[in-house]
């Protein structure tokens, strides 16, 4: 991965208000186990069926930070894409996501601020029943245009 040139996402001048990206993602056991192992998170609500069955949720739920991770991945990989950085988030999670659920996400560009080099994105996610599982806004810095290597490579040779 290091040293490999990767295409950057859409620069701020290439984005348009109303532009959208839609995708879906399914939560698998391996994803949950990697998250729990990586974060050392031992919340029984996320993995223990006997405990979760005694809660209002009735079964284990997906950590909300994992749902946010799916949203963050959309920003990093698709809209605006590689080179982007989330600087603010205002998200709510009105309904839990359960194990093996497929979540459909929709991200839309709502505002573009050229002066401060950021865009406002609106995010919605729905489960298989069509119920909202995530909604809110993100402030994102789209990728910056890199300086040309050719422009500076010959500076010492005047």
N, C-alpha and C. Protein backbone atom coordinates (compact mmCIF):
# COMPACT_ATOMS: atom_id res chain seq x y z
N UNK A 1 0.82 -1.19 0.00
CA UNK A 1 0.00 0.00 0.00
C UNK A 1 0.87 1.26 0.00
N UNK A 2 1.96 1.22 0.77
CA UNK A 2 2.86 2.36 0.78
C UNK A 2 3.54 2.46 -0.58
N UNK A 3 3.69 3.67 -1.06
CA UNK A 3 4.36 3.89 -2.32
C UNK A 3 3.46 3.67 -3.53
N UNK A 4 2.26 3.16 -3.30
CA UNK A 4 1.34 2.93 -4.40
C UNK A 4 0.50 4.19 -4.60
N UNK A 5 0.51 4.72 -5.80
CA UNK A 5 -0.24 5.93 -6.10
C UNK A 5 -1.72 5.59 -6.22
N UNK A 6 -2.55 6.32 -5.47
CA UNK A 6 -3.97 6.08 -5.47
C UNK A 6 -4.69 7.33 -5.96
N UNK A 7 -5.75 7.12 -6.69
CA UNK A 7 -6.53 8.23 -7.20
C UNK A 7 -7.26 8.93 -6.05
N UNK A 8 -7.24 10.25 -6.07
CA UNK A 8 -7.94 11.03 -5.05
C UNK A 8 -9.42 11.15 -5.42
N UNK A 9 -10.22 11.45 -4.41
CA UNK A 9 -11.65 11.65 -4.62
C UNK A 9 -11.91 12.99 -5.30
N UNK A 10 -13.17 13.38 -5.30
CA UNK A 10 -13.58 14.62 -5.95
C UNK A 10 -13.08 15.82 -5.17
N UNK A 11 -12.43 16.72 -5.89
CA UNK A 11 -11.98 17.98 -5.28
C UNK A 11 -13.20 18.87 -5.09
N UNK A 12 -13.05 19.90 -4.28
CA UNK A 12 -14.18 20.76 -3.94
C UNK A 12 -14.82 21.39 -5.18
N UNK A 13 -14.00 21.73 -6.18
CA UNK A 13 -14.55 22.36 -7.38
C UNK A 13 -15.32 21.37 -8.26
N UNK A 14 -15.17 20.08 -8.00
CA UNK A 14 -15.87 19.06 -8.79
C UNK A 14 -17.18 18.59 -8.15
N UNK A 15 -17.42 18.99 -6.91
CA UNK A 15 -18.63 18.59 -6.20
C UNK A 15 -19.79 19.52 -6.53
N UNK A 16 -21.00 18.99 -6.48
CA UNK A 16 -22.21 19.77 -6.77
C UNK A 16 -23.25 19.54 -5.68
N UNK A 17 -23.94 20.60 -5.27
CA UNK A 17 -25.04 20.46 -4.32
C UNK A 17 -26.09 19.54 -4.94
N UNK A 18 -26.58 18.60 -4.15
CA UNK A 18 -27.55 17.63 -4.62
C UNK A 18 -26.94 16.33 -5.09
N UNK A 19 -25.61 16.30 -5.24
CA UNK A 19 -24.94 15.07 -5.65
C UNK A 19 -25.11 14.02 -4.54
N UNK A 20 -25.38 12.77 -4.92
CA UNK A 20 -25.64 11.72 -3.94
C UNK A 20 -24.80 10.48 -4.20
N UNK A 21 -24.70 9.67 -3.16
CA UNK A 21 -24.11 8.34 -3.27
C UNK A 21 -24.95 7.42 -2.41
N UNK A 22 -25.32 6.26 -2.96
CA UNK A 22 -26.12 5.28 -2.25
C UNK A 22 -25.43 3.93 -2.30
N UNK A 23 -25.45 3.23 -1.17
CA UNK A 23 -24.86 1.89 -1.10
C UNK A 23 -25.51 1.13 0.04
N UNK A 24 -25.16 -0.13 0.16
CA UNK A 24 -25.64 -0.91 1.29
C UNK A 24 -24.48 -1.72 1.87
N UNK A 25 -24.64 -2.10 3.12
CA UNK A 25 -23.60 -2.86 3.81
C UNK A 25 -24.27 -3.81 4.78
N UNK A 26 -23.71 -5.01 4.90
CA UNK A 26 -24.23 -6.01 5.82
C UNK A 26 -23.23 -6.23 6.94
N UNK A 27 -23.73 -6.33 8.16
CA UNK A 27 -22.88 -6.54 9.33
C UNK A 27 -22.70 -8.05 9.52
N UNK A 28 -21.47 -8.51 9.42
CA UNK A 28 -21.15 -9.93 9.57
C UNK A 28 -20.46 -10.18 10.91
N UNK A 29 -20.45 -11.44 11.34
CA UNK A 29 -19.79 -11.81 12.60
C UNK A 29 -18.34 -11.37 12.62
N UNK A 30 -17.62 -11.58 11.52
CA UNK A 30 -16.20 -11.24 11.50
C UNK A 30 -15.99 -9.75 11.74
N UNK A 31 -16.89 -8.90 11.22
CA UNK A 31 -16.78 -7.46 11.43
C UNK A 31 -16.93 -7.12 12.91
N UNK A 32 -17.94 -7.73 13.54
CA UNK A 32 -18.17 -7.50 14.97
C UNK A 32 -17.00 -7.99 15.81
N UNK A 33 -16.51 -9.17 15.50
CA UNK A 33 -15.41 -9.72 16.28
C UNK A 33 -14.13 -8.91 16.12
N UNK A 34 -13.87 -8.43 14.91
CA UNK A 34 -12.68 -7.57 14.71
C UNK A 34 -12.82 -6.28 15.49
N UNK A 35 -14.02 -5.65 15.43
CA UNK A 35 -14.24 -4.41 16.18
C UNK A 35 -14.04 -4.65 17.68
N UNK A 36 -14.70 -5.69 18.21
CA UNK A 36 -14.62 -5.96 19.64
C UNK A 36 -13.19 -6.27 20.06
N UNK A 37 -12.45 -7.00 19.24
CA UNK A 37 -11.06 -7.30 19.55
C UNK A 37 -10.17 -6.08 19.47
N UNK A 38 -10.37 -5.27 18.45
CA UNK A 38 -9.56 -4.08 18.25
C UNK A 38 -9.75 -3.06 19.36
N UNK A 39 -11.00 -2.90 19.82
CA UNK A 39 -11.29 -1.87 20.81
C UNK A 39 -11.31 -2.40 22.23
N UNK A 40 -11.20 -3.73 22.39
CA UNK A 40 -11.30 -4.36 23.70
C UNK A 40 -12.62 -4.01 24.36
N UNK A 41 -13.67 -3.92 23.55
CA UNK A 41 -15.01 -3.58 24.02
C UNK A 41 -15.72 -4.87 24.41
N UNK A 42 -16.07 -5.01 25.66
CA UNK A 42 -16.70 -6.23 26.16
C UNK A 42 -18.16 -6.01 26.53
N UNK A 43 -18.82 -5.05 25.91
CA UNK A 43 -20.22 -4.78 26.22
C UNK A 43 -21.06 -6.01 25.89
N UNK A 44 -21.73 -6.61 26.87
CA UNK A 44 -22.51 -7.82 26.61
C UNK A 44 -23.68 -7.57 25.65
N UNK A 45 -24.12 -6.33 25.52
CA UNK A 45 -25.21 -6.02 24.61
C UNK A 45 -24.83 -6.28 23.15
N UNK A 46 -23.53 -6.27 22.87
CA UNK A 46 -23.07 -6.45 21.49
C UNK A 46 -22.88 -7.91 21.08
N UNK A 47 -22.69 -8.80 22.04
CA UNK A 47 -22.30 -10.16 21.66
C UNK A 47 -23.01 -11.27 22.45
N UNK A 48 -23.52 -10.99 23.63
CA UNK A 48 -24.12 -12.04 24.46
C UNK A 48 -25.63 -12.11 24.26
N UNK A 49 -26.05 -13.18 23.61
CA UNK A 49 -27.48 -13.35 23.32
C UNK A 49 -28.31 -13.47 24.59
N UNK A 50 -27.80 -14.17 25.62
CA UNK A 50 -28.57 -14.35 26.85
C UNK A 50 -28.81 -13.00 27.54
N UNK A 51 -27.79 -12.15 27.58
CA UNK A 51 -27.98 -10.83 28.19
C UNK A 51 -28.92 -9.96 27.34
N UNK A 52 -28.64 -9.87 26.05
CA UNK A 52 -29.43 -9.01 25.16
C UNK A 52 -30.90 -9.41 25.15
N UNK A 53 -31.20 -10.69 25.30
CA UNK A 53 -32.60 -11.15 25.29
C UNK A 53 -33.39 -10.60 26.47
N UNK A 54 -32.69 -10.16 27.51
CA UNK A 54 -33.35 -9.61 28.70
C UNK A 54 -33.45 -8.09 28.67
N UNK A 55 -33.07 -7.49 27.56
CA UNK A 55 -33.15 -6.03 27.39
C UNK A 55 -34.28 -5.69 26.44
N UNK A 56 -34.64 -4.42 26.34
CA UNK A 56 -35.66 -4.04 25.36
C UNK A 56 -35.26 -4.35 23.90
N UNK A 57 -33.98 -4.56 23.65
CA UNK A 57 -33.51 -4.86 22.30
C UNK A 57 -33.80 -6.30 21.89
N UNK A 58 -33.89 -7.20 22.87
CA UNK A 58 -34.21 -8.63 22.68
C UNK A 58 -33.13 -9.47 22.01
N UNK A 59 -32.16 -8.84 21.38
CA UNK A 59 -31.05 -9.56 20.75
C UNK A 59 -29.86 -8.62 20.65
N UNK A 60 -28.67 -9.16 20.40
CA UNK A 60 -27.47 -8.32 20.34
C UNK A 60 -27.57 -7.25 19.24
N UNK A 61 -27.02 -6.08 19.54
CA UNK A 61 -27.03 -4.97 18.60
C UNK A 61 -25.61 -4.68 18.13
N UNK A 62 -25.53 -3.98 17.03
CA UNK A 62 -24.26 -3.55 16.46
C UNK A 62 -23.86 -2.24 17.15
N UNK A 63 -22.62 -2.11 17.60
CA UNK A 63 -22.19 -0.84 18.21
C UNK A 63 -22.40 0.33 17.23
N UNK A 64 -22.90 1.43 17.76
CA UNK A 64 -23.16 2.58 16.89
C UNK A 64 -21.89 3.09 16.21
N UNK A 65 -20.75 2.93 16.87
CA UNK A 65 -19.51 3.38 16.25
C UNK A 65 -19.20 2.56 15.00
N UNK A 66 -19.66 1.31 14.94
CA UNK A 66 -19.48 0.52 13.71
C UNK A 66 -20.36 1.06 12.59
N UNK A 67 -21.58 1.49 12.94
CA UNK A 67 -22.45 2.10 11.93
C UNK A 67 -21.81 3.38 11.42
N UNK A 68 -21.26 4.18 12.35
CA UNK A 68 -20.54 5.38 11.91
C UNK A 68 -19.35 5.01 11.03
N UNK A 69 -18.68 3.92 11.34
CA UNK A 69 -17.55 3.47 10.52
C UNK A 69 -17.98 3.20 9.08
N UNK A 70 -19.17 2.66 8.89
CA UNK A 70 -19.69 2.44 7.54
C UNK A 70 -19.90 3.77 6.83
N UNK A 71 -20.42 4.75 7.56
CA UNK A 71 -20.63 6.10 7.00
C UNK A 71 -19.29 6.72 6.65
N UNK A 72 -18.34 6.63 7.56
CA UNK A 72 -17.01 7.19 7.34
C UNK A 72 -16.36 6.56 6.11
N UNK A 73 -16.56 5.29 5.92
CA UNK A 73 -16.01 4.60 4.75
C UNK A 73 -16.59 5.14 3.45
N UNK A 74 -17.86 5.50 3.46
CA UNK A 74 -18.49 6.09 2.27
C UNK A 74 -17.79 7.40 1.92
N UNK A 75 -17.54 8.22 2.95
CA UNK A 75 -16.86 9.50 2.74
C UNK A 75 -15.45 9.26 2.23
N UNK A 76 -14.73 8.33 2.84
CA UNK A 76 -13.34 8.07 2.48
C UNK A 76 -13.16 7.43 1.12
N UNK A 77 -14.14 6.65 0.70
CA UNK A 77 -13.98 5.88 -0.53
C UNK A 77 -14.83 6.37 -1.71
N UNK A 78 -15.91 7.12 -1.44
CA UNK A 78 -16.84 7.44 -2.53
C UNK A 78 -17.23 8.91 -2.66
N UNK A 79 -17.72 9.53 -1.60
CA UNK A 79 -18.20 10.91 -1.71
C UNK A 79 -17.77 11.72 -0.51
N UNK A 80 -16.79 12.59 -0.65
CA UNK A 80 -16.04 12.96 -1.84
C UNK A 80 -15.05 11.91 -2.30
N UNK A 81 -14.56 11.04 -1.38
CA UNK A 81 -13.66 9.97 -1.79
C UNK A 81 -12.29 10.08 -1.15
N UNK A 82 -11.34 9.27 -1.64
CA UNK A 82 -9.99 9.21 -1.05
C UNK A 82 -9.35 10.60 -0.91
N UNK A 83 -8.79 10.84 0.27
CA UNK A 83 -8.18 12.13 0.57
C UNK A 83 -9.09 13.02 1.41
N UNK A 84 -10.34 12.60 1.63
CA UNK A 84 -11.31 13.38 2.42
C UNK A 84 -11.08 13.16 3.91
N UNK A 85 -11.58 14.12 4.70
CA UNK A 85 -11.44 14.04 6.14
C UNK A 85 -12.67 14.63 6.82
N UNK A 86 -13.32 13.86 7.69
CA UNK A 86 -14.49 14.33 8.45
C UNK A 86 -13.99 15.19 9.61
N UNK A 87 -14.50 16.43 9.71
CA UNK A 87 -14.07 17.30 10.80
C UNK A 87 -15.18 17.54 11.83
N UNK A 88 -16.42 17.21 11.46
CA UNK A 88 -17.54 17.37 12.40
C UNK A 88 -18.63 16.39 12.03
N UNK A 89 -19.28 15.85 13.05
CA UNK A 89 -20.40 14.96 12.81
C UNK A 89 -21.54 15.29 13.77
N UNK A 90 -22.75 15.18 13.28
CA UNK A 90 -23.94 15.34 14.09
C UNK A 90 -24.90 14.23 13.66
N UNK A 91 -24.77 13.07 14.28
CA UNK A 91 -25.54 11.90 13.88
C UNK A 91 -26.38 11.39 15.04
N UNK A 92 -27.54 10.84 14.70
CA UNK A 92 -28.35 10.14 15.69
C UNK A 92 -28.65 8.75 15.15
N UNK A 93 -28.96 7.86 16.07
CA UNK A 93 -29.19 6.45 15.75
C UNK A 93 -30.55 6.06 16.33
N UNK A 94 -31.64 6.40 15.61
CA UNK A 94 -32.99 6.23 16.17
C UNK A 94 -33.43 4.79 16.40
N UNK A 95 -32.84 3.85 15.70
CA UNK A 95 -33.18 2.43 15.88
C UNK A 95 -31.89 1.63 15.82
N UNK A 96 -31.75 0.60 16.67
CA UNK A 96 -30.51 -0.18 16.64
C UNK A 96 -30.39 -0.99 15.35
N UNK A 97 -29.17 -1.28 15.01
CA UNK A 97 -28.86 -2.20 13.91
C UNK A 97 -28.54 -3.53 14.57
N UNK A 98 -29.15 -4.59 14.07
CA UNK A 98 -28.93 -5.92 14.63
C UNK A 98 -27.92 -6.70 13.79
N UNK A 99 -27.34 -7.72 14.37
CA UNK A 99 -26.40 -8.58 13.66
C UNK A 99 -27.02 -9.09 12.36
N UNK A 100 -26.23 -9.16 11.34
CA UNK A 100 -26.59 -9.65 10.00
C UNK A 100 -27.54 -8.71 9.24
N UNK A 101 -27.78 -7.54 9.76
CA UNK A 101 -28.68 -6.59 9.10
C UNK A 101 -28.00 -5.99 7.88
N UNK A 102 -28.79 -5.72 6.86
CA UNK A 102 -28.30 -4.97 5.71
C UNK A 102 -28.79 -3.53 5.88
N UNK A 103 -27.86 -2.60 5.83
CA UNK A 103 -28.19 -1.19 5.99
C UNK A 103 -27.96 -0.48 4.65
N UNK A 104 -28.97 0.25 4.19
CA UNK A 104 -28.86 1.07 2.97
C UNK A 104 -28.55 2.50 3.39
N UNK A 105 -27.49 3.04 2.81
CA UNK A 105 -27.05 4.40 3.14
C UNK A 105 -27.26 5.32 1.95
N UNK A 106 -27.63 6.56 2.26
CA UNK A 106 -27.71 7.61 1.25
C UNK A 106 -26.99 8.84 1.79
N UNK A 107 -26.03 9.34 1.03
CA UNK A 107 -25.27 10.53 1.41
C UNK A 107 -25.46 11.56 0.32
N UNK A 108 -25.78 12.80 0.72
CA UNK A 108 -26.04 13.88 -0.25
C UNK A 108 -25.27 15.14 0.12
N UNK A 109 -24.70 15.79 -0.88
CA UNK A 109 -24.02 17.07 -0.68
C UNK A 109 -25.10 18.14 -0.51
N UNK A 110 -25.11 18.80 0.65
CA UNK A 110 -26.12 19.83 0.95
C UNK A 110 -25.57 21.25 0.82
N UNK A 111 -24.27 21.43 1.04
CA UNK A 111 -23.70 22.77 0.97
C UNK A 111 -22.21 22.64 0.65
N UNK A 112 -21.70 23.63 -0.06
CA UNK A 112 -20.28 23.67 -0.41
C UNK A 112 -19.73 25.03 0.01
N UNK A 113 -18.69 25.04 0.83
CA UNK A 113 -18.06 26.26 1.29
C UNK A 113 -16.63 26.30 0.72
N UNK A 114 -16.49 26.97 -0.42
CA UNK A 114 -15.18 27.03 -1.08
C UNK A 114 -14.15 27.79 -0.24
N UNK A 115 -14.59 28.85 0.44
CA UNK A 115 -13.68 29.68 1.22
C UNK A 115 -13.01 28.88 2.34
N UNK A 116 -13.78 28.08 3.06
CA UNK A 116 -13.24 27.29 4.17
C UNK A 116 -12.88 25.86 3.75
N UNK A 117 -13.06 25.55 2.49
CA UNK A 117 -12.73 24.25 1.91
C UNK A 117 -13.41 23.09 2.65
N UNK A 118 -14.75 23.20 2.79
CA UNK A 118 -15.47 22.06 3.35
C UNK A 118 -16.85 21.94 2.72
N UNK A 119 -17.41 20.75 2.84
CA UNK A 119 -18.76 20.48 2.35
C UNK A 119 -19.59 19.90 3.49
N UNK A 120 -20.89 20.16 3.42
CA UNK A 120 -21.83 19.58 4.37
C UNK A 120 -22.54 18.43 3.66
N UNK A 121 -22.51 17.27 4.31
CA UNK A 121 -23.18 16.10 3.77
C UNK A 121 -24.32 15.70 4.69
N UNK A 122 -25.43 15.30 4.08
CA UNK A 122 -26.55 14.76 4.84
C UNK A 122 -26.52 13.25 4.69
N UNK A 123 -26.72 12.53 5.80
CA UNK A 123 -26.60 11.08 5.82
C UNK A 123 -27.89 10.46 6.34
N UNK A 124 -28.35 9.42 5.64
CA UNK A 124 -29.47 8.61 6.10
C UNK A 124 -29.13 7.15 5.89
N UNK A 125 -29.52 6.31 6.86
CA UNK A 125 -29.35 4.87 6.73
C UNK A 125 -30.63 4.18 7.16
N UNK A 126 -31.01 3.12 6.42
CA UNK A 126 -32.25 2.40 6.66
C UNK A 126 -31.99 0.90 6.74
N UNK A 127 -32.71 0.22 7.61
CA UNK A 127 -32.59 -1.23 7.69
C UNK A 127 -33.53 -1.89 6.67
N UNK A 128 -33.61 -3.23 6.71
CA UNK A 128 -34.41 -3.98 5.74
C UNK A 128 -35.89 -3.62 5.80
N UNK A 129 -36.35 -3.21 6.97
CA UNK A 129 -37.77 -2.84 7.12
C UNK A 129 -38.04 -1.42 6.65
N UNK A 130 -37.00 -0.70 6.29
CA UNK A 130 -37.16 0.68 5.86
C UNK A 130 -37.12 1.68 7.00
N UNK A 131 -36.79 1.21 8.20
CA UNK A 131 -36.71 2.10 9.36
C UNK A 131 -35.35 2.79 9.40
N UNK A 132 -35.37 4.05 9.81
CA UNK A 132 -34.14 4.83 9.93
C UNK A 132 -33.27 4.29 11.06
N UNK A 133 -32.00 4.03 10.76
CA UNK A 133 -31.07 3.58 11.79
C UNK A 133 -29.95 4.59 12.04
N UNK A 134 -29.78 5.53 11.11
CA UNK A 134 -28.82 6.62 11.30
C UNK A 134 -29.28 7.80 10.46
N UNK A 135 -29.13 9.00 11.02
CA UNK A 135 -29.43 10.22 10.26
C UNK A 135 -28.61 11.36 10.85
N UNK A 136 -28.29 12.31 9.98
CA UNK A 136 -27.56 13.47 10.47
C UNK A 136 -26.73 14.13 9.40
N UNK A 137 -25.76 14.90 9.85
CA UNK A 137 -24.92 15.66 8.93
C UNK A 137 -23.45 15.47 9.29
N UNK A 138 -22.61 15.67 8.26
CA UNK A 138 -21.17 15.63 8.41
C UNK A 138 -20.58 16.87 7.77
N UNK A 139 -19.54 17.40 8.35
CA UNK A 139 -18.73 18.43 7.71
C UNK A 139 -17.44 17.75 7.28
N UNK A 140 -17.14 17.85 5.99
CA UNK A 140 -16.04 17.09 5.41
C UNK A 140 -15.11 18.00 4.63
N UNK A 141 -13.81 17.80 4.81
CA UNK A 141 -12.82 18.45 3.96
C UNK A 141 -12.58 17.53 2.77
N UNK A 142 -12.95 17.93 1.56
CA UNK A 142 -12.65 17.10 0.39
C UNK A 142 -11.14 17.07 0.17
N UNK A 143 -10.66 16.18 -0.68
CA UNK A 143 -9.22 16.11 -0.92
C UNK A 143 -8.67 17.42 -1.47
N UNK A 144 -7.48 17.74 -1.06
CA UNK A 144 -6.79 18.92 -1.57
C UNK A 144 -6.05 18.52 -2.85
N UNK A 145 -5.94 19.46 -3.75
CA UNK A 145 -5.17 19.25 -4.98
C UNK A 145 -3.70 19.23 -4.61
N UNK A 146 -3.01 18.13 -4.87
CA UNK A 146 -1.59 18.08 -4.51
C UNK A 146 -0.76 19.00 -5.40
N UNK A 147 0.33 19.47 -4.84
CA UNK A 147 1.25 20.28 -5.64
C UNK A 147 1.92 19.39 -6.67
N UNK A 148 2.20 19.94 -7.80
CA UNK A 148 2.87 19.19 -8.86
C UNK A 148 4.31 18.92 -8.47
N UNK A 149 4.71 17.66 -8.57
CA UNK A 149 6.10 17.32 -8.28
C UNK A 149 7.03 17.95 -9.32
N UNK A 150 6.56 18.08 -10.55
CA UNK A 150 7.38 18.69 -11.60
C UNK A 150 7.66 20.15 -11.34
N UNK A 151 6.72 20.83 -10.68
CA UNK A 151 6.89 22.26 -10.45
C UNK A 151 8.04 22.55 -9.50
N UNK A 152 8.31 21.64 -8.56
CA UNK A 152 9.35 21.89 -7.57
C UNK A 152 10.60 21.05 -7.78
N UNK A 153 10.54 20.04 -8.62
CA UNK A 153 11.67 19.13 -8.75
C UNK A 153 12.90 19.80 -9.39
N UNK A 154 12.73 20.84 -10.16
CA UNK A 154 13.87 21.48 -10.84
C UNK A 154 14.23 22.83 -10.23
N UNK A 155 13.73 23.13 -9.01
CA UNK A 155 13.99 24.41 -8.39
C UNK A 155 15.48 24.68 -8.20
N UNK A 156 16.26 23.67 -7.97
CA UNK A 156 17.69 23.85 -7.73
C UNK A 156 18.50 23.96 -9.01
N UNK A 157 17.87 23.88 -10.16
CA UNK A 157 18.59 23.88 -11.42
C UNK A 157 18.22 25.08 -12.29
N UNK A 158 18.49 26.27 -11.82
CA UNK A 158 18.20 27.47 -12.61
C UNK A 158 19.38 27.83 -13.44
